[in-house]
Amino acid sequence: MSVTSWSRSPARTVVWGVGRGSKTVESVTLLGAGSPRRLTVSQQGAFAMVLPAAVDPAKLRLRVRLATGVTQTERPGIGLVADLV
């Protein structure tokens, strides 16, 4: 069966983000969805991960290592500057 609409697709949890500059983010590790998962960071500093609906978004954390060597671990959306787009 081919799924052609969102209403007929299984639910998912999506985590994504982007650094302010292409050289800002060195690495991103997702915590709270089983074993820690190191996410691929694009040359532009973007990352994303699609997870099953069974993953509790409240348990997710991102460990972000910046190019400066500073490491921050927070919930997605915490500790970030909102884009006013």
N, C-alpha and C. Protein backbone atom coordinates (compact mmCIF):
# COMPACT_ATOMS: atom_id res chain seq x y z
N MET A 1 0.85 -1.19 0.00
CA MET A 1 0.00 0.00 0.00
C MET A 1 0.89 1.24 0.00
N SER A 2 0.61 2.17 -0.86
CA SER A 2 1.36 3.42 -0.93
C SER A 2 0.66 4.47 -0.07
N VAL A 3 1.43 5.14 0.78
CA VAL A 3 0.86 6.19 1.63
C VAL A 3 1.00 7.52 0.90
N THR A 4 -0.10 8.22 0.73
CA THR A 4 -0.07 9.45 -0.04
C THR A 4 -0.44 10.69 0.76
N SER A 5 -0.75 10.52 2.05
CA SER A 5 -1.09 11.70 2.84
C SER A 5 -0.52 11.55 4.24
N TRP A 6 -0.32 12.67 4.93
CA TRP A 6 0.21 12.65 6.29
C TRP A 6 -0.71 11.89 7.23
N SER A 7 -2.01 12.01 7.03
CA SER A 7 -2.95 11.38 7.95
C SER A 7 -2.89 9.86 7.91
N ARG A 8 -2.34 9.29 6.86
CA ARG A 8 -2.26 7.84 6.75
C ARG A 8 -0.84 7.33 7.00
N SER A 9 0.05 8.21 7.41
CA SER A 9 1.44 7.84 7.69
C SER A 9 1.64 7.65 9.19
N PRO A 10 2.57 6.77 9.57
CA PRO A 10 2.83 6.61 11.01
C PRO A 10 3.45 7.88 11.59
N ALA A 11 3.15 8.14 12.85
CA ALA A 11 3.68 9.32 13.53
C ALA A 11 5.19 9.18 13.69
N ARG A 12 5.88 10.30 13.75
CA ARG A 12 7.33 10.33 13.93
C ARG A 12 7.69 11.48 14.86
N THR A 13 8.89 11.40 15.43
CA THR A 13 9.48 12.50 16.18
C THR A 13 10.68 12.96 15.37
N VAL A 14 10.80 14.25 15.14
CA VAL A 14 11.90 14.78 14.33
C VAL A 14 12.69 15.79 15.16
N VAL A 15 14.00 15.63 15.14
CA VAL A 15 14.92 16.57 15.80
C VAL A 15 15.77 17.18 14.71
N TRP A 16 15.89 18.52 14.70
CA TRP A 16 16.73 19.16 13.69
C TRP A 16 17.26 20.48 14.22
N GLY A 17 18.27 20.98 13.54
CA GLY A 17 18.83 22.27 13.92
C GLY A 17 19.91 22.68 12.95
N VAL A 18 20.43 23.88 13.16
CA VAL A 18 21.50 24.40 12.32
C VAL A 18 22.32 25.40 13.13
N GLY A 19 23.63 25.37 12.94
CA GLY A 19 24.51 26.33 13.58
C GLY A 19 24.42 27.68 12.89
N ARG A 20 24.82 28.71 13.57
CA ARG A 20 24.77 30.06 13.01
C ARG A 20 25.72 30.24 11.83
N GLY A 21 26.81 29.52 11.84
CA GLY A 21 27.77 29.61 10.74
C GLY A 21 28.22 28.21 10.36
N SER A 22 28.79 28.07 9.18
CA SER A 22 29.16 26.75 8.69
C SER A 22 30.22 26.08 9.55
N LYS A 23 30.99 26.84 10.31
CA LYS A 23 32.07 26.26 11.11
C LYS A 23 31.77 26.33 12.62
N THR A 24 30.52 26.60 12.99
CA THR A 24 30.15 26.77 14.39
C THR A 24 30.05 25.43 15.13
N VAL A 25 29.39 24.44 14.52
CA VAL A 25 29.11 23.16 15.17
C VAL A 25 30.12 22.12 14.72
N GLU A 26 30.80 21.51 15.71
CA GLU A 26 31.76 20.45 15.41
C GLU A 26 31.08 19.08 15.40
N SER A 27 30.21 18.82 16.39
CA SER A 27 29.50 17.55 16.44
C SER A 27 28.21 17.70 17.23
N VAL A 28 27.25 16.80 16.92
CA VAL A 28 25.97 16.75 17.63
C VAL A 28 25.68 15.29 17.95
N THR A 29 25.38 15.01 19.23
CA THR A 29 25.03 13.66 19.64
C THR A 29 23.64 13.69 20.26
N LEU A 30 22.75 12.81 19.79
CA LEU A 30 21.39 12.71 20.31
C LEU A 30 21.39 11.71 21.47
N LEU A 31 20.84 12.13 22.60
CA LEU A 31 20.72 11.29 23.79
C LEU A 31 19.25 11.10 24.12
N GLY A 32 18.90 9.95 24.71
CA GLY A 32 17.53 9.73 25.17
C GLY A 32 16.66 8.91 24.24
N ALA A 33 17.24 8.41 23.16
CA ALA A 33 16.49 7.58 22.21
C ALA A 33 17.27 6.28 22.00
N GLY A 34 17.55 5.59 23.10
CA GLY A 34 18.38 4.40 23.04
C GLY A 34 19.84 4.79 23.19
N SER A 35 20.72 4.08 22.51
CA SER A 35 22.15 4.40 22.57
C SER A 35 22.39 5.79 22.01
N PRO A 36 23.39 6.52 22.55
CA PRO A 36 23.72 7.84 21.98
C PRO A 36 23.99 7.71 20.48
N ARG A 37 23.48 8.66 19.71
CA ARG A 37 23.65 8.65 18.26
C ARG A 37 24.33 9.93 17.81
N ARG A 38 25.49 9.79 17.21
CA ARG A 38 26.17 10.96 16.66
C ARG A 38 25.51 11.28 15.32
N LEU A 39 25.01 12.50 15.21
CA LEU A 39 24.31 12.92 14.00
C LEU A 39 25.29 13.49 12.99
N THR A 40 24.98 13.33 11.73
CA THR A 40 25.78 13.92 10.67
C THR A 40 25.49 15.41 10.63
N VAL A 41 26.54 16.22 10.61
CA VAL A 41 26.40 17.67 10.52
C VAL A 41 26.88 18.08 9.13
N SER A 42 26.01 18.79 8.40
CA SER A 42 26.36 19.21 7.04
C SER A 42 27.44 20.28 7.05
N GLN A 43 27.99 20.57 5.90
CA GLN A 43 28.99 21.64 5.78
C GLN A 43 28.42 22.99 6.20
N GLN A 44 27.10 23.13 6.11
CA GLN A 44 26.45 24.37 6.51
C GLN A 44 26.07 24.38 7.99
N GLY A 45 26.36 23.28 8.72
CA GLY A 45 26.08 23.22 10.15
C GLY A 45 24.71 22.66 10.51
N ALA A 46 24.00 22.08 9.53
CA ALA A 46 22.66 21.55 9.77
C ALA A 46 22.71 20.08 10.15
N PHE A 47 21.72 19.64 10.95
CA PHE A 47 21.59 18.24 11.31
C PHE A 47 20.12 17.90 11.48
N ALA A 48 19.78 16.61 11.35
CA ALA A 48 18.39 16.16 11.51
C ALA A 48 18.37 14.67 11.80
N MET A 49 17.32 14.23 12.49
CA MET A 49 17.13 12.81 12.77
C MET A 49 15.63 12.57 12.88
N VAL A 50 15.13 11.55 12.19
CA VAL A 50 13.73 11.14 12.28
C VAL A 50 13.68 9.89 13.15
N LEU A 51 12.83 9.92 14.17
CA LEU A 51 12.72 8.83 15.14
C LEU A 51 11.30 8.27 15.15
N PRO A 52 11.14 7.04 15.61
CA PRO A 52 9.79 6.47 15.72
C PRO A 52 8.94 7.25 16.72
N ALA A 53 7.64 7.12 16.58
CA ALA A 53 6.71 7.81 17.48
C ALA A 53 6.85 7.32 18.92
N ALA A 54 7.36 6.12 19.13
CA ALA A 54 7.51 5.57 20.49
C ALA A 54 8.53 6.34 21.31
N VAL A 55 9.39 7.12 20.66
CA VAL A 55 10.40 7.91 21.38
C VAL A 55 9.70 9.08 22.08
N ASP A 56 9.95 9.22 23.37
CA ASP A 56 9.36 10.30 24.15
C ASP A 56 10.19 11.57 23.94
N PRO A 57 9.65 12.58 23.26
CA PRO A 57 10.42 13.81 23.00
C PRO A 57 10.92 14.48 24.27
N ALA A 58 10.22 14.32 25.40
CA ALA A 58 10.64 14.96 26.65
C ALA A 58 11.94 14.37 27.18
N LYS A 59 12.31 13.17 26.74
CA LYS A 59 13.54 12.52 27.21
C LYS A 59 14.75 12.84 26.33
N LEU A 60 14.53 13.51 25.23
CA LEU A 60 15.62 13.78 24.29
C LEU A 60 16.53 14.90 24.78
N ARG A 61 17.81 14.75 24.53
CA ARG A 61 18.81 15.77 24.80
C ARG A 61 19.78 15.81 23.62
N LEU A 62 20.33 16.95 23.36
CA LEU A 62 21.36 17.10 22.34
C LEU A 62 22.65 17.53 23.01
N ARG A 63 23.73 16.81 22.74
CA ARG A 63 25.06 17.20 23.20
C ARG A 63 25.74 17.82 21.98
N VAL A 64 25.97 19.12 22.06
CA VAL A 64 26.54 19.86 20.94
C VAL A 64 27.95 20.32 21.30
N ARG A 65 28.90 19.92 20.48
CA ARG A 65 30.27 20.39 20.67
C ARG A 65 30.51 21.47 19.61
N LEU A 66 30.85 22.65 20.12
CA LEU A 66 31.10 23.79 19.23
C LEU A 66 32.55 23.79 18.76
N ALA A 67 32.83 24.50 17.71
CA ALA A 67 34.19 24.59 17.17
C ALA A 67 35.15 25.20 18.18
N THR A 68 34.63 25.94 19.13
CA THR A 68 35.47 26.55 20.17
C THR A 68 35.92 25.54 21.22
N GLY A 69 35.35 24.31 21.17
CA GLY A 69 35.66 23.28 22.15
C GLY A 69 34.64 23.19 23.27
N VAL A 70 33.75 24.16 23.37
CA VAL A 70 32.70 24.15 24.39
C VAL A 70 31.66 23.09 24.03
N THR A 71 31.24 22.31 25.04
CA THR A 71 30.19 21.30 24.84
C THR A 71 28.99 21.69 25.69
N GLN A 72 27.80 21.66 25.08
CA GLN A 72 26.56 21.97 25.79
C GLN A 72 25.61 20.80 25.60
N THR A 73 24.90 20.41 26.67
CA THR A 73 23.88 19.37 26.58
C THR A 73 22.57 19.95 27.08
N GLU A 74 21.59 19.97 26.20
CA GLU A 74 20.28 20.56 26.53
C GLU A 74 19.19 19.82 25.78
N ARG A 75 17.95 20.09 26.20
CA ARG A 75 16.80 19.60 25.44
C ARG A 75 16.76 20.34 24.11
N PRO A 76 16.26 19.70 23.06
CA PRO A 76 16.09 20.43 21.80
C PRO A 76 15.26 21.69 22.03
N GLY A 77 15.74 22.80 21.51
CA GLY A 77 15.04 24.07 21.67
C GLY A 77 15.47 24.88 22.87
N ILE A 78 16.26 24.30 23.76
CA ILE A 78 16.74 25.00 24.95
C ILE A 78 18.16 25.47 24.70
N GLY A 79 18.48 26.67 25.16
CA GLY A 79 19.84 27.16 25.00
C GLY A 79 20.15 27.65 23.61
N LEU A 80 19.13 27.80 22.81
CA LEU A 80 19.30 28.27 21.45
C LEU A 80 18.65 29.63 21.30
N VAL A 81 19.14 30.38 20.37
CA VAL A 81 18.54 31.68 20.06
C VAL A 81 17.46 31.43 19.00
N ALA A 82 16.27 31.86 19.29
CA ALA A 82 15.17 31.65 18.35
C ALA A 82 15.38 32.47 17.08
N ASP A 83 15.03 31.87 15.94
CA ASP A 83 15.04 32.61 14.69
C ASP A 83 13.70 33.29 14.53
N LEU A 84 13.70 34.57 14.34
CA LEU A 84 12.46 35.34 14.18
C LEU A 84 12.08 35.43 12.71
N VAL A 85 11.87 34.27 12.11
CA VAL A 85 11.54 34.21 10.68
C VAL A 85 10.05 34.05 10.53
